[in-house]
Amino acid sequence: MAGLLSPAERDLWRRMSGPDRRHAVAVARRVVAMEGGSRAMVVAALLHDVGKVESGLGTLARVGATLAAAGLGKGRLLAWANDANEEARSGVAVRVARYLAHDRIGAELLAAAGSDPLVVAWAAQHHLPADRWEVPAALGSCLKAADGD
């Protein structure tokens, strides 16, 4: 599947962790099974979480950040992470903020890589409710179902 990626997208793919790549391949396979898998849909599945590469958090810290966001609310956790100025913030707070903003960061990375607009949009929107998607509802529904989160 990685053969579908442009050279710039391949560079992003290589930066992803092993667990993130395995998750992305599983999502892409489910997209292909459900939708047939246009190039843009498969690439969107493969790279939707690419923004996580900027967080510097490992798997256990990601689980902790995800649970904290679920318990406290993502907005509250982001407010904590962004309260102090950059110099005063702890490394953990910066990494948590980047992890929680992986959708926006991923969209920026993909746009800079020249990815298809659908790929960029899905990275940015994959955690939003369906009524806020800019991608066609049928494609977003397929990608969301394949992602399972």
Protein backbone atom coordinates (compact mmCIF):
# COMPACT_ATOMS: atom_id res chain seq x y z
CA MET A 1 0.00 0.00 0.00
CA ALA A 2 2.88 2.35 0.66
CA GLY A 3 3.47 2.31 -3.13
CA LEU A 4 0.44 4.61 -3.40
CA LEU A 5 2.27 7.35 -1.51
CA SER A 6 4.09 10.21 -3.17
CA PRO A 7 7.76 10.63 -2.21
CA ALA A 8 6.86 13.37 0.30
CA GLU A 9 4.06 11.23 1.77
CA ARG A 10 6.47 8.27 1.99
CA ASP A 11 8.82 10.46 4.03
CA LEU A 12 5.97 11.18 6.45
CA TRP A 13 5.03 7.49 6.54
CA ARG A 14 8.60 6.56 7.48
CA ARG A 15 8.44 8.94 10.45
CA MET A 16 5.40 7.14 11.88
CA SER A 17 5.95 4.59 14.66
CA GLY A 18 5.52 0.87 14.08
CA PRO A 19 2.22 0.72 16.02
CA ASP A 20 0.90 3.75 14.10
CA ARG A 21 1.85 2.17 10.77
CA ARG A 22 0.18 -1.12 11.71
CA HIS A 23 -2.99 0.73 12.71
CA ALA A 24 -2.92 2.74 9.47
CA VAL A 25 -2.49 -0.36 7.30
CA ALA A 26 -5.40 -2.05 9.10
CA VAL A 27 -7.57 1.03 8.51
CA ALA A 28 -6.55 1.12 4.83
CA ARG A 29 -7.37 -2.57 4.39
CA ARG A 30 -10.83 -2.01 5.88
CA VAL A 31 -11.37 0.96 3.56
CA VAL A 32 -10.45 -1.18 0.55
CA ALA A 33 -12.79 -3.95 1.74
CA MET A 34 -15.69 -1.52 2.27
CA GLU A 35 -15.22 1.02 -0.50
CA GLY A 36 -12.90 -0.45 -3.07
CA GLY A 37 -10.25 2.06 -2.18
CA SER A 38 -9.56 4.99 -4.46
CA ARG A 39 -5.98 6.21 -4.14
CA ALA A 40 -7.02 9.25 -2.09
CA MET A 41 -9.14 7.13 0.28
CA VAL A 42 -6.33 4.65 0.90
CA VAL A 43 -3.78 7.43 1.42
CA ALA A 44 -6.21 9.20 3.79
CA ALA A 45 -6.48 5.95 5.75
CA LEU A 46 -2.71 5.44 5.80
CA LEU A 47 -1.83 8.98 6.89
CA HIS A 48 -4.80 10.22 8.97
CA ASP A 49 -2.76 10.04 12.21
CA VAL A 50 0.55 11.30 10.82
CA GLY A 51 0.44 14.39 13.05
CA LYS A 52 1.24 12.18 16.03
CA VAL A 53 4.87 12.08 14.85
CA GLU A 54 5.31 15.63 16.16
CA SER A 55 4.27 14.78 19.73
CA GLY A 56 7.28 12.75 20.76
CA LEU A 57 5.04 10.65 23.02
CA GLY A 58 5.35 6.89 23.22
CA THR A 59 2.44 4.48 23.38
CA LEU A 60 1.95 4.56 27.17
CA ALA A 61 2.07 8.36 27.32
CA ARG A 62 -0.45 8.54 24.46
CA VAL A 63 -2.79 6.23 26.33
CA GLY A 64 -2.43 8.45 29.40
CA ALA A 65 -3.10 11.61 27.38
CA THR A 66 -6.12 10.02 25.69
CA LEU A 67 -7.57 8.88 29.02
CA ALA A 68 -6.90 12.29 30.58
CA ALA A 69 -8.59 14.02 27.65
CA ALA A 70 -11.58 11.69 27.96
CA GLY A 71 -11.83 12.24 31.71
CA LEU A 72 -11.03 15.93 31.93
CA GLY A 73 -12.09 17.01 28.46
CA LYS A 74 -9.75 17.72 25.57
CA GLY A 75 -10.28 21.48 25.87
CA ARG A 76 -9.37 21.50 29.56
CA LEU A 77 -6.26 19.40 28.98
CA LEU A 78 -5.19 21.64 26.09
CA ALA A 79 -5.77 24.70 28.28
CA TRP A 80 -3.46 23.18 30.91
CA ALA A 81 -0.83 22.42 28.28
CA ASN A 82 -1.05 25.91 26.81
CA ASP A 83 -1.40 27.92 30.05
CA ALA A 84 2.26 28.69 30.54
CA ASN A 85 4.47 30.38 28.00
CA GLU A 86 6.66 28.14 25.83
CA GLU A 87 9.73 28.53 28.05
CA ALA A 88 7.85 27.72 31.25
CA ARG A 89 5.90 24.76 29.91
CA SER A 90 7.25 21.36 30.77
CA GLY A 91 8.30 19.09 27.94
CA VAL A 92 5.43 16.77 28.79
CA ALA A 93 2.83 19.52 28.45
CA VAL A 94 4.17 20.52 25.04
CA ARG A 95 4.15 16.91 23.85
CA VAL A 96 0.63 16.33 25.18
CA ALA A 97 -0.60 19.48 23.42
CA ARG A 98 0.98 18.32 20.15
CA TYR A 99 -0.53 14.86 20.54
CA LEU A 100 -4.00 16.29 21.17
CA ALA A 101 -3.60 18.55 18.12
CA HIS A 102 -2.36 15.72 15.88
CA ASP A 103 -5.31 16.19 13.52
CA ARG A 104 -4.40 19.83 12.78
CA ILE A 105 -0.66 19.12 12.72
CA GLY A 106 -1.15 16.14 10.40
CA ALA A 107 -3.22 18.24 7.99
CA GLU A 108 -0.45 20.85 7.93
CA LEU A 109 2.21 18.20 7.25
CA LEU A 110 0.12 16.64 4.48
CA ALA A 111 -0.65 20.00 2.87
CA ALA A 112 3.06 20.81 2.87
CA ALA A 113 3.70 17.41 1.27
CA GLY A 114 1.28 18.25 -1.55
CA SER A 115 -1.25 15.56 -0.61
CA ASP A 116 -4.67 15.32 -2.22
CA PRO A 117 -7.18 17.74 -0.61
CA LEU A 118 -9.27 14.77 0.61
CA VAL A 119 -6.23 13.37 2.45
CA VAL A 120 -5.51 16.74 4.08
CA ALA A 121 -9.16 17.29 5.00
CA TRP A 122 -9.58 13.84 6.52
CA ALA A 123 -6.47 14.23 8.68
CA ALA A 124 -7.89 17.51 9.97
CA GLN A 125 -11.45 16.25 10.46
CA HIS A 126 -11.23 12.60 11.49
CA HIS A 127 -12.10 13.34 15.13
CA LEU A 128 -14.92 15.77 14.37
CA PRO A 129 -18.60 14.84 14.39
CA ALA A 130 -19.99 13.97 10.97
CA ASP A 131 -21.97 17.21 10.71
CA ARG A 132 -18.68 19.15 10.73
CA TRP A 133 -16.91 17.15 7.99
CA GLU A 134 -16.06 18.91 4.77
CA VAL A 135 -15.29 15.60 3.07
CA PRO A 136 -18.23 13.90 1.34
CA ALA A 137 -20.35 12.14 3.98
CA ALA A 138 -20.11 8.71 2.31
CA LEU A 139 -16.30 8.86 2.21
CA GLY A 140 -16.03 10.21 5.74
CA SER A 141 -18.38 7.53 7.03
CA CYS A 142 -16.31 4.83 5.39
CA LEU A 143 -13.05 6.21 6.79
CA LYS A 144 -14.54 6.68 10.27
CA ALA A 145 -15.94 3.15 10.32
CA ALA A 146 -12.60 1.76 9.13
CA ASP A 147 -10.72 3.71 11.82
CA GLY A 148 -13.02 2.47 14.54
CA ASP A 149 -12.32 5.27 17.02
